[in-house]
Protein backbone atom coordinates (compact mmCIF):
# COMPACT_ATOMS: atom_id res chain seq x y z
CA MET A 1 0.00 0.00 0.00
CA GLU A 2 1.18 3.50 -0.80
CA ARG A 3 2.52 5.05 2.38
CA GLY A 4 1.27 8.51 1.52
CA LEU A 5 3.31 11.66 1.55
CA SER A 6 5.60 11.21 4.46
CA GLN A 7 8.51 10.59 2.11
CA PRO A 8 10.77 13.64 1.66
CA GLY A 9 10.93 13.19 -2.11
CA ARG A 10 7.25 14.00 -2.47
CA MET A 11 7.17 17.25 -0.49
CA GLU A 12 7.54 19.45 -3.59
CA LYS A 13 4.42 17.89 -5.03
CA VAL A 14 2.52 18.48 -1.81
CA GLY A 15 3.56 22.12 -1.80
CA ARG A 16 2.19 22.52 -5.31
CA VAL A 17 -1.09 20.91 -4.28
CA ALA A 18 -1.39 23.29 -1.33
CA PHE A 19 -0.84 26.24 -3.65
CA VAL A 20 -3.36 24.96 -6.18
CA SER A 21 -6.00 24.45 -3.51
CA MET A 22 -5.44 28.03 -2.34
CA VAL A 23 -5.71 29.50 -5.84
CA GLY A 24 -9.04 27.79 -6.50
CA THR A 25 -10.66 28.91 -3.27
CA THR A 26 -9.28 32.44 -3.71
CA ILE A 27 -11.03 32.78 -7.07
CA GLN A 28 -14.30 31.26 -5.95
CA TYR A 29 -14.55 33.36 -2.78
CA PHE A 30 -13.63 36.49 -4.72
CA GLU A 31 -16.61 35.84 -6.97
CA PHE A 32 -18.94 34.79 -4.17
CA VAL A 33 -18.15 37.71 -1.86
CA SER A 34 -18.33 40.19 -4.73
CA TYR A 35 -22.02 39.35 -5.00
CA SER A 36 -22.59 39.89 -1.27
CA LEU A 37 -20.93 43.30 -1.40
CA ALA A 38 -22.83 44.35 -4.52
CA ALA A 39 -26.07 43.12 -2.96
CA VAL A 40 -25.53 45.35 0.07
CA LEU A 41 -24.28 48.44 -1.79
CA VAL A 42 -25.92 48.39 -5.22
CA PHE A 43 -28.53 45.70 -5.90
CA PRO A 44 -31.41 47.33 -3.93
CA ASP A 45 -31.35 50.15 -6.51
CA VAL A 46 -30.38 48.17 -9.62
CA PHE A 47 -32.47 44.99 -9.31
CA PHE A 48 -35.10 45.73 -6.62
CA PRO A 49 -36.14 49.37 -7.09
CA TYR A 50 -39.84 48.49 -7.03
CA ALA A 51 -39.77 48.09 -3.23
CA SER A 52 -39.32 50.55 -0.38
CA ALA A 53 -35.77 51.12 0.82
CA ALA A 54 -36.19 48.72 3.76
CA SER A 55 -37.91 46.06 1.66
CA ALA A 56 -35.32 46.36 -1.09
CA THR A 57 -32.55 45.77 1.43
CA LEU A 58 -34.31 42.71 2.85
CA THR A 59 -34.85 41.39 -0.69
CA ALA A 60 -31.17 41.90 -1.46
CA PHE A 61 -30.27 39.98 1.72
CA ALA A 62 -32.65 37.22 0.64
CA SER A 63 -30.90 37.03 -2.74
CA ILE A 64 -27.66 36.50 -0.82
CA GLY A 65 -29.35 33.82 1.23
CA VAL A 66 -30.57 31.67 -1.66
CA ALA A 67 -26.95 30.78 -2.41
CA PHE A 68 -26.56 29.43 1.10
CA VAL A 69 -29.58 27.20 0.60
CA ALA A 70 -28.00 25.98 -2.63
CA ARG A 71 -24.66 25.26 -0.97
CA PRO A 72 -25.68 22.01 0.82
CA LEU A 73 -27.31 20.83 -2.41
CA GLY A 74 -24.11 21.60 -4.27
CA ALA A 75 -22.16 19.78 -1.57
CA LEU A 76 -24.29 16.67 -2.08
CA LEU A 77 -23.95 16.85 -5.86
CA PHE A 78 -20.24 17.57 -6.08
CA GLY A 79 -19.47 15.44 -3.02
CA HIS A 80 -21.28 12.46 -4.56
CA PHE A 81 -19.17 12.56 -7.71
CA GLY A 82 -16.04 13.52 -5.77
CA ASP A 83 -16.34 10.40 -3.61
CA ARG A 84 -17.14 8.18 -6.58
CA TYR A 85 -14.79 9.47 -9.28
CA GLY A 86 -12.20 11.63 -7.59
CA ARG A 87 -11.65 15.06 -6.06
CA LYS A 88 -9.75 16.75 -8.88
CA SER A 89 -12.26 16.55 -11.76
CA VAL A 90 -15.15 17.68 -9.57
CA LEU A 91 -13.22 20.74 -8.42
CA VAL A 92 -12.55 21.70 -12.03
CA VAL A 93 -16.29 21.57 -12.77
CA SER A 94 -17.13 23.64 -9.67
CA LEU A 95 -14.65 26.33 -10.71
CA VAL A 96 -16.13 26.59 -14.21
CA THR A 97 -19.69 26.71 -12.85
CA MET A 98 -18.85 29.55 -10.48
CA GLY A 99 -16.99 31.44 -13.19
CA VAL A 100 -19.81 31.29 -15.73
CA ALA A 101 -22.44 32.38 -13.19
CA THR A 102 -20.33 35.28 -11.94
CA PHE A 103 -19.47 36.54 -15.42
CA LEU A 104 -23.14 36.53 -16.44
CA ILE A 105 -24.11 38.51 -13.33
CA GLY A 106 -21.69 41.20 -14.46
CA LEU A 107 -23.50 41.44 -17.81
CA LEU A 108 -27.06 41.19 -16.46
CA PRO A 109 -29.29 44.21 -17.26
CA GLY A 110 -31.06 45.88 -14.36
CA PHE A 111 -34.75 46.13 -13.51
CA ALA A 112 -35.08 49.41 -15.41
CA THR A 113 -34.08 47.64 -18.64
CA VAL A 114 -35.73 44.18 -18.57
CA GLY A 115 -38.16 44.44 -15.67
CA TRP A 116 -38.89 41.39 -13.53
CA ALA A 117 -36.60 39.20 -15.63
CA ALA A 118 -33.62 40.97 -14.01
CA PRO A 119 -34.18 39.88 -10.37
CA VAL A 120 -35.32 36.41 -11.46
CA LEU A 121 -32.18 35.80 -13.51
CA LEU A 122 -30.05 37.31 -10.76
CA VAL A 123 -31.41 34.83 -8.22
CA LEU A 124 -30.93 31.88 -10.59
CA LEU A 125 -27.30 32.84 -11.17
CA ARG A 126 -26.80 33.27 -7.44
CA ILE A 127 -28.10 29.73 -6.92
CA LEU A 128 -25.47 28.47 -9.36
CA GLN A 129 -22.81 30.37 -7.41
CA GLY A 130 -23.96 28.73 -4.19
CA ALA A 131 -24.00 25.23 -5.65
CA ALA A 132 -20.48 25.68 -7.05
CA LEU A 133 -19.10 26.94 -3.76
CA GLY A 134 -20.79 24.03 -2.00
CA GLY A 135 -18.45 21.73 -3.89
CA GLU A 136 -15.38 23.95 -3.81
CA GLY A 137 -14.83 25.02 -0.21
CA MET A 138 -14.35 21.72 1.57
CA GLY A 139 -13.48 19.87 -1.63
CA ALA A 140 -10.29 21.89 -1.96
CA THR A 141 -9.54 21.26 1.70
CA VAL A 142 -10.02 17.51 1.29
CA LEU A 143 -7.72 17.62 -1.73
CA ALA A 144 -4.99 19.35 0.29
CA ILE A 145 -5.39 17.20 3.42
CA GLU A 146 -5.34 13.90 1.53
CA HIS A 147 -2.12 14.93 -0.22
CA ALA A 148 -0.49 16.21 2.98
CA PRO A 149 2.15 14.47 5.09
CA PRO A 150 0.97 12.95 8.37
CA ARG A 151 0.99 15.43 11.25
CA ARG A 152 1.05 18.36 8.82
CA ARG A 153 -2.59 18.36 7.82
CA GLY A 154 -3.35 21.48 9.79
CA LEU A 155 -0.67 23.31 7.80
CA TYR A 156 -1.96 22.16 4.42
CA SER A 157 -5.60 22.76 5.31
CA ALA A 158 -4.53 26.34 6.05
CA PHE A 159 -3.95 27.04 2.36
CA PRO A 160 -7.58 26.67 1.18
CA GLY A 161 -8.67 28.62 4.25
CA ALA A 162 -6.20 31.37 3.42
CA GLY A 163 -7.49 31.31 -0.15
CA ALA A 164 -11.03 31.97 1.08
CA ALA A 165 -9.82 34.93 3.12
CA LEU A 166 -7.68 36.24 0.25
CA GLY A 167 -10.64 35.99 -2.13
CA ALA A 168 -12.83 37.95 0.27
CA LEU A 169 -9.97 40.42 0.78
CA ALA A 170 -9.59 40.93 -2.98
CA ALA A 171 -13.34 41.41 -3.43
CA ASN A 172 -13.49 43.99 -0.64
CA GLY A 173 -10.41 45.71 -2.05
CA CYS A 174 -11.95 45.94 -5.53
CA PHE A 175 -15.20 47.39 -4.25
CA LEU A 176 -13.38 49.78 -1.92
CA ALA A 177 -11.23 51.07 -4.79
CA LEU A 178 -14.21 51.40 -7.13
CA SER A 179 -16.40 53.06 -4.50
CA ALA A 180 -13.69 55.52 -3.45
CA GLY A 181 -12.42 56.26 -6.97
CA MET A 182 -15.70 56.74 -8.83
CA ALA A 183 -18.67 59.05 -8.52
CA ASP A 184 -21.62 57.33 -6.86
CA ASP A 185 -23.79 57.42 -9.99
CA ARG A 186 -21.07 55.80 -12.12
CA PHE A 187 -20.36 53.17 -9.49
CA HIS A 188 -24.06 52.27 -9.23
CA ASP A 189 -24.52 52.38 -12.99
CA TRP A 190 -21.64 50.24 -14.25
CA GLY A 191 -18.60 50.33 -11.91
CA TRP A 192 -19.83 47.50 -9.72
CA ARG A 193 -19.84 45.18 -12.76
CA ALA A 194 -16.06 45.29 -13.25
CA PRO A 195 -15.13 42.60 -10.63
CA PHE A 196 -17.74 40.21 -12.05
CA VAL A 197 -16.55 40.54 -15.63
CA PHE A 198 -12.87 40.44 -14.65
CA SER A 199 -13.44 37.15 -12.81
CA ALA A 200 -13.43 35.36 -16.18
CA VAL A 201 -9.67 35.99 -16.39
CA LEU A 202 -9.19 34.58 -12.91
CA VAL A 203 -11.12 31.43 -13.76
CA ALA A 204 -8.93 30.82 -16.81
CA VAL A 205 -5.83 31.09 -14.60
CA GLY A 206 -7.41 28.85 -11.97
CA LEU A 207 -8.22 26.14 -14.50
CA TYR A 208 -4.67 26.13 -15.83
CA VAL A 209 -3.30 25.71 -12.30
CA ARG A 210 -5.88 23.21 -11.08
CA LEU A 211 -5.44 20.85 -14.01
CA SER A 212 -1.77 20.44 -13.04
CA VAL A 213 -2.44 18.38 -9.91
CA SER A 214 -3.02 14.65 -9.63
CA GLU A 215 -5.73 12.78 -7.77
CA THR A 216 -5.10 12.32 -4.05
CA PRO A 217 -3.18 9.16 -3.08
CA VAL A 218 -5.60 8.52 -0.20
CA PHE A 219 -8.60 8.38 -2.51
CA THR A 220 -6.72 6.40 -5.17
CA SER A 221 -5.65 3.82 -2.59
CA ALA A 222 -9.14 3.52 -1.12
CA ILE A 223 -10.76 2.97 -4.51
CA ALA A 224 -8.07 0.47 -5.53
CA ARG A 225 -8.85 -1.67 -2.48
CA GLN A 226 -12.64 -1.45 -2.58
CA ARG A 227 -15.29 -0.20 -4.94
CA ALA A 228 -16.69 3.30 -4.56
CA LEU A 229 -19.92 3.73 -2.66
CA ARG A 230 -22.97 3.94 -4.88
CA VAL A 231 -24.58 6.75 -2.84
CA PRO A 232 -22.07 8.16 -0.31
CA ILE A 233 -24.59 10.30 1.59
CA VAL A 234 -26.63 7.18 2.40
CA GLU A 235 -23.56 5.63 4.01
CA VAL A 236 -23.04 8.78 6.08
CA VAL A 237 -26.65 8.95 7.24
CA LEU A 238 -26.80 5.25 8.11
CA ASN A 239 -23.48 4.99 9.92
CA ARG A 240 -22.51 8.49 11.09
CA PRO A 241 -25.73 10.48 11.69
CA ARG A 242 -24.67 11.79 15.08
CA ALA A 243 -21.27 12.92 13.82
CA LEU A 244 -22.93 14.66 10.87
CA LEU A 245 -25.40 16.56 13.07
CA LEU A 246 -22.74 17.57 15.59
CA SER A 247 -20.47 18.75 12.78
CA VAL A 248 -23.24 21.03 11.52
CA GLY A 249 -23.79 22.39 15.02
CA ALA A 250 -20.08 23.01 15.47
CA LEU A 251 -20.02 25.24 12.39
CA VAL A 252 -22.87 27.59 13.28
CA VAL A 253 -21.27 30.21 15.54
CA GLY A 254 -18.40 31.11 13.24
CA ASN A 255 -20.73 31.67 10.33
CA VAL A 256 -23.09 33.77 12.42
CA LEU A 257 -20.28 36.02 13.66
CA TYR A 258 -18.71 36.26 10.20
CA PHE A 259 -21.88 37.32 8.43
CA VAL A 260 -23.06 39.56 11.24
CA THR A 261 -19.75 41.38 10.83
CA GLN A 262 -19.25 41.29 7.07
CA THR A 263 -22.84 41.60 5.83
CA PHE A 264 -25.28 42.79 8.52
CA ALA A 265 -22.93 45.34 10.12
CA LEU A 266 -21.93 46.64 6.69
CA SER A 267 -25.56 47.34 5.82
CA TYR A 268 -26.57 48.60 9.30
CA GLY A 269 -23.59 50.94 9.42
CA THR A 270 -24.30 52.56 6.05
CA GLU A 271 -28.09 52.69 6.20
CA SER A 272 -29.01 53.08 9.89
CA LEU A 273 -25.94 54.82 11.31
CA GLY A 274 -25.10 56.96 8.28
CA ILE A 275 -21.49 55.76 8.03
CA SER A 276 -19.94 56.10 4.58
CA ASP A 277 -19.56 53.10 2.26
CA THR A 278 -15.82 53.75 2.13
CA THR A 279 -15.40 53.58 5.91
CA MET A 280 -17.35 50.34 6.22
CA LEU A 281 -15.55 48.73 3.29
CA TYR A 282 -12.21 49.73 4.76
CA ALA A 283 -13.19 48.11 8.07
CA ALA A 284 -14.24 44.93 6.26
CA LEU A 285 -11.07 44.91 4.16
CA THR A 286 -8.77 45.35 7.16
CA SER A 287 -10.54 42.73 9.23
CA ILE A 288 -10.38 40.10 6.49
CA GLY A 289 -6.66 40.73 6.22
CA VAL A 290 -6.43 39.96 9.93
CA GLN A 291 -8.48 36.82 9.38
CA ALA A 292 -6.20 35.60 6.58
CA VAL A 293 -3.09 35.79 8.77
CA ALA A 294 -4.67 34.59 12.01
CA GLY A 295 -6.56 31.73 10.35
CA PHE A 296 -3.40 30.41 8.75
CA ALA A 297 -1.54 30.60 12.06
CA SER A 298 -4.36 28.90 13.95
CA ALA A 299 -4.46 26.01 11.47
CA VAL A 300 -0.69 25.57 11.69
CA PHE A 301 -0.69 25.63 15.50
CA SER A 302 -3.40 22.97 15.52
CA ASP A 303 -0.73 20.50 14.37
CA ARG A 304 0.88 21.02 17.78
CA LEU A 305 -1.86 22.08 20.16
CA GLY A 306 -4.82 19.99 18.99
CA ARG A 307 -7.66 20.94 16.71
CA ARG A 308 -10.72 20.71 18.94
CA LYS A 309 -9.10 22.75 21.72
CA LEU A 310 -8.53 25.68 19.40
CA CYS A 311 -12.04 25.41 17.93
CA VAL A 312 -13.61 25.52 21.39
CA LEU A 313 -11.39 28.43 22.42
CA GLY A 314 -12.38 30.32 19.29
CA ALA A 315 -16.10 29.69 19.88
CA VAL A 316 -15.79 31.06 23.42
CA LEU A 317 -13.99 34.15 22.12
CA CYS A 318 -16.72 34.66 19.49
CA ALA A 319 -19.29 34.84 22.29
CA LEU A 320 -17.16 37.20 24.37
CA TRP A 321 -16.63 39.65 21.49
CA ALA A 322 -20.30 39.90 20.45
CA VAL A 323 -21.11 42.81 22.79
CA PRO A 324 -17.92 44.85 22.18
CA LEU A 325 -18.47 44.49 18.41
CA ILE A 326 -21.94 46.06 18.60
CA TRP A 327 -20.78 48.80 20.95
CA LEU A 328 -17.82 49.78 18.76
CA LEU A 329 -20.03 49.84 15.66
CA GLN A 330 -22.44 52.26 17.33
CA THR A 331 -19.68 54.75 18.12
CA ARG A 332 -19.60 55.67 14.39
CA GLN A 333 -15.86 56.25 14.83
CA PRO A 334 -13.89 54.78 11.89
CA THR A 335 -10.91 53.68 14.01
CA LEU A 336 -13.12 51.94 16.57
CA ILE A 337 -15.21 50.29 13.86
CA VAL A 338 -12.05 48.92 12.26
CA LEU A 339 -10.99 47.63 15.69
CA GLY A 340 -14.36 45.94 16.24
CA PHE A 341 -14.32 44.26 12.84
CA SER A 342 -10.67 43.21 13.14
CA VAL A 343 -10.99 41.55 16.53
CA ALA A 344 -14.19 39.83 15.39
CA MET A 345 -12.31 38.28 12.47
CA LEU A 346 -9.36 37.44 14.73
CA VAL A 347 -11.48 35.37 17.11
CA TYR A 348 -13.34 33.88 14.15
CA ALA A 349 -9.98 32.82 12.70
CA VAL A 350 -8.93 31.10 15.94
CA TYR A 351 -12.10 29.04 15.68
CA SER A 352 -12.22 28.43 11.93
CA GLY A 353 -8.52 27.88 11.20
CA PRO A 354 -8.32 24.25 12.43
CA LEU A 355 -11.99 23.43 11.81
CA SER A 356 -11.75 21.96 8.32
CA ALA A 357 -8.84 19.65 9.20
CA TYR A 358 -10.64 18.73 12.40
CA LEU A 359 -13.93 17.76 10.73
CA ALA A 360 -12.13 15.93 7.92
CA GLY A 361 -10.71 13.71 10.63
CA VAL A 362 -14.17 12.53 11.64
CA PHE A 363 -15.21 10.76 8.43
CA ASP A 364 -13.97 7.89 6.23
CA THR A 365 -12.19 8.39 2.92
CA ARG A 366 -14.95 6.85 0.81
CA PHE A 367 -17.55 9.41 1.96
CA ARG A 368 -15.31 12.17 3.35
CA PHE A 369 -15.96 14.70 0.56
CA THR A 370 -19.74 14.27 0.83
CA ALA A 371 -19.92 14.28 4.62
CA VAL A 372 -17.58 17.19 5.30
CA ALA A 373 -18.87 19.33 2.43
CA PHE A 374 -22.50 18.74 3.41
CA ALA A 375 -21.87 19.44 7.10
CA PHE A 376 -19.80 22.54 6.32
CA ASN A 377 -22.29 24.04 3.88
CA THR A 378 -25.30 23.22 6.03
CA GLY A 379 -23.59 25.03 8.89
CA VAL A 380 -22.90 27.95 6.56
CA MET A 381 -26.54 27.93 5.45
CA LEU A 382 -27.86 28.02 9.01
CA GLY A 383 -25.36 30.58 10.21
CA GLY A 384 -24.66 32.64 7.12
CA ALA A 385 -27.96 32.78 5.27
CA LEU A 386 -30.07 33.43 8.35
CA ALA A 387 -27.77 35.71 10.32
CA PRO A 388 -28.21 39.03 8.42
CA THR A 389 -31.96 38.60 7.93
CA LEU A 390 -32.52 37.32 11.47
CA ALA A 391 -30.46 40.20 12.85
CA ASP A 392 -32.72 42.67 11.02
CA ARG A 393 -35.84 40.93 12.34
CA LEU A 394 -34.53 40.83 15.90
CA ILE A 395 -33.96 44.57 15.82
CA ALA A 396 -37.45 45.12 14.41
CA VAL A 397 -39.06 42.96 17.11
CA THR A 398 -37.01 44.03 20.14
CA GLY A 399 -36.15 47.56 19.07
CA SER A 400 -32.56 46.98 20.13
CA ILE A 401 -29.40 46.05 18.24
CA TRP A 402 -28.16 44.27 21.37
CA ALA A 403 -30.41 41.35 20.43
CA VAL A 404 -27.89 40.64 17.65
CA ALA A 405 -25.16 40.13 20.25
CA GLY A 406 -27.48 37.73 22.06
CA MET A 407 -27.91 35.75 18.87
CA VAL A 408 -24.13 35.34 18.55
CA VAL A 409 -23.82 34.17 22.17
CA ALA A 410 -26.65 31.64 21.77
CA THR A 411 -25.07 30.09 18.69
CA ALA A 412 -21.70 29.93 20.47
CA VAL A 413 -23.29 27.79 23.18
CA LEU A 414 -24.69 25.47 20.50
CA SER A 415 -21.33 25.11 18.76
CA ILE A 416 -19.38 24.51 21.97
CA ALA A 417 -21.84 21.77 22.97
CA SER A 418 -21.52 20.20 19.51
CA LEU A 419 -17.71 20.24 19.63
CA ALA A 420 -17.84 18.60 23.07
CA GLY A 421 -19.78 15.71 21.55
CA LEU A 422 -17.24 15.07 18.77
CA PRO A 423 -13.95 13.20 19.24
CA GLU A 424 -10.55 14.86 19.04
CA THR A 425 -9.00 13.91 15.69
CA PHE A 426 -5.55 15.23 16.54
CA PRO A 427 -2.84 14.43 15.69
CA ASP A 428 -3.53 12.14 12.74
CA HIS A 429 -6.45 9.85 13.31
CA LEU A 430 -7.11 9.47 9.61
CA GLY A 431 -8.60 6.12 10.31
CA ARG A 432 -7.11 3.47 12.51
CA ARG A 433 -8.65 0.51 10.83
CA SER A 434 -9.66 -2.78 12.24
CA GLY A 435 -6.10 -3.92 11.65
CA GLY A 436 -5.24 -1.87 14.71
CA PRO A 437 -1.69 -1.76 16.02
CA SER A 438 -0.38 -4.15 13.40
CA GLU A 439 -0.71 -1.46 10.71
CA PRO A 440 2.16 0.93 10.16
CA PRO A 441 1.28 4.34 11.61
CA GLU A 442 1.71 6.14 8.29
CA GLU A 443 -0.56 3.70 6.50
CA ALA A 444 -3.23 3.96 9.14
CA ALA A 445 -2.99 7.72 9.00
CA GLU A 446 -3.59 7.78 5.26
CA GLU A 447 -6.91 6.03 5.38
CA GLY A 448 -10.50 6.88 6.20
CA MET A 449 -10.97 8.95 9.25
CA GLY A 450 -14.04 7.60 10.98
CA ASN A 451 -13.35 4.01 11.84
CA ARG A 452 -16.25 3.73 14.26
CA ASP A 453 -19.84 4.32 13.35
CA ASP A 454 -22.17 6.20 15.67
CA ARG A 455 -23.31 2.98 17.30
CA GLY A 456 -19.78 2.28 18.45
CA ARG A 457 -19.05 -0.53 16.00
CA THR A 458 -15.55 -0.99 14.69
CA GLY A 459 -15.24 -2.65 11.35
CA ASN A 460 -13.25 -3.02 8.21
CA PRO A 461 -14.75 -0.78 5.49
CA GLN A 462 -13.75 -3.38 2.92
CA HIS A 463 -16.76 -5.38 4.14
CA ARG A 464 -19.19 -2.53 3.91
CA PRO A 465 -21.60 -2.32 0.98
């Protein structure tokens, strides 16, 4: 059996895989976040002008949210084929899907030109974006982790995570530059379209890079020894339902804090507090830069400190920062707003940095892509799609923005409880099979990560259907 990537001669290849996984997620998150920013700053006027200002904003938030509903569906679709036919080819398809949808959004006429067809087509394209990202996010992480040397999986999982932050950083940077450098009427008329159209160039570069990597040795070895599962999600639901549900719960708080900061606060600051678009975009841009560095460091440190410990610590910090974030936002002071955003993304990074490598350690190779992608994107759907809209509704019902801080604290409790119910997968429990101690450590580490089902049975996956 192939002993994986612990051999020194294969480290150059692993480094290339880490880079490729980062490039793909950078492009996809650039495109995905560009929509969220445009939806907050421009789309209420361009695609939803028939509604009142408040209703148009809520409709724009809802158009953001449909992508999050599509993400678990995309995870099931891309995960199914990724677990049956390989990670690489599926990630190529997800990149193309995202690129086409994003490019078409940049060319889409507004409501004033084509009427109701404009918002309908916008929502359909947003659904395609969501489905594509459902396959990309954790798929790229699985690709990197399954290529990585034992005991370095936190490091290599950091590259796709850094790519997500860099993509968001680039999107915020583009919109900040366009907003600050153009008159408002020009920006709202055509300037916002530039990042969407330019993304076609990025996709071409991403395809060239992504096609250069090989299939993961972990997946290749697993398929060589046993046939692929016919329907991977069925295997997950039958054998690991508890782990799947707890994984979803573990993901909620980070997504709530992220989207409260990067979407809700952006809109609330500009519309309710009268803060300029430029100030809010600068705060978002700075904070995502903090996230990129801190998330990478947190993932790397998880190779030494343990993954679940850092995730729990980060969830606690998310709860503790909820109140200061709201207070600093209400000061309307640019420096304090930047501080609030930056610390929010710092504590989010402590939590999210090790999370993908941690959850990948819970599930077997033959259904890892499906299980991790579905759990991740369901958690994003619950936390990300609902957070901005629910925050708006909480303010409307309670009359106080402090209810938003309460929402963050409540989800932190849920995530901490979920993490407590999952096993620690550190350092390299990538599946100690029924062969037990007789297997070489490196071989055991290269195989499927969830050797026990949720009823406590230990078995050899070669005998599973």
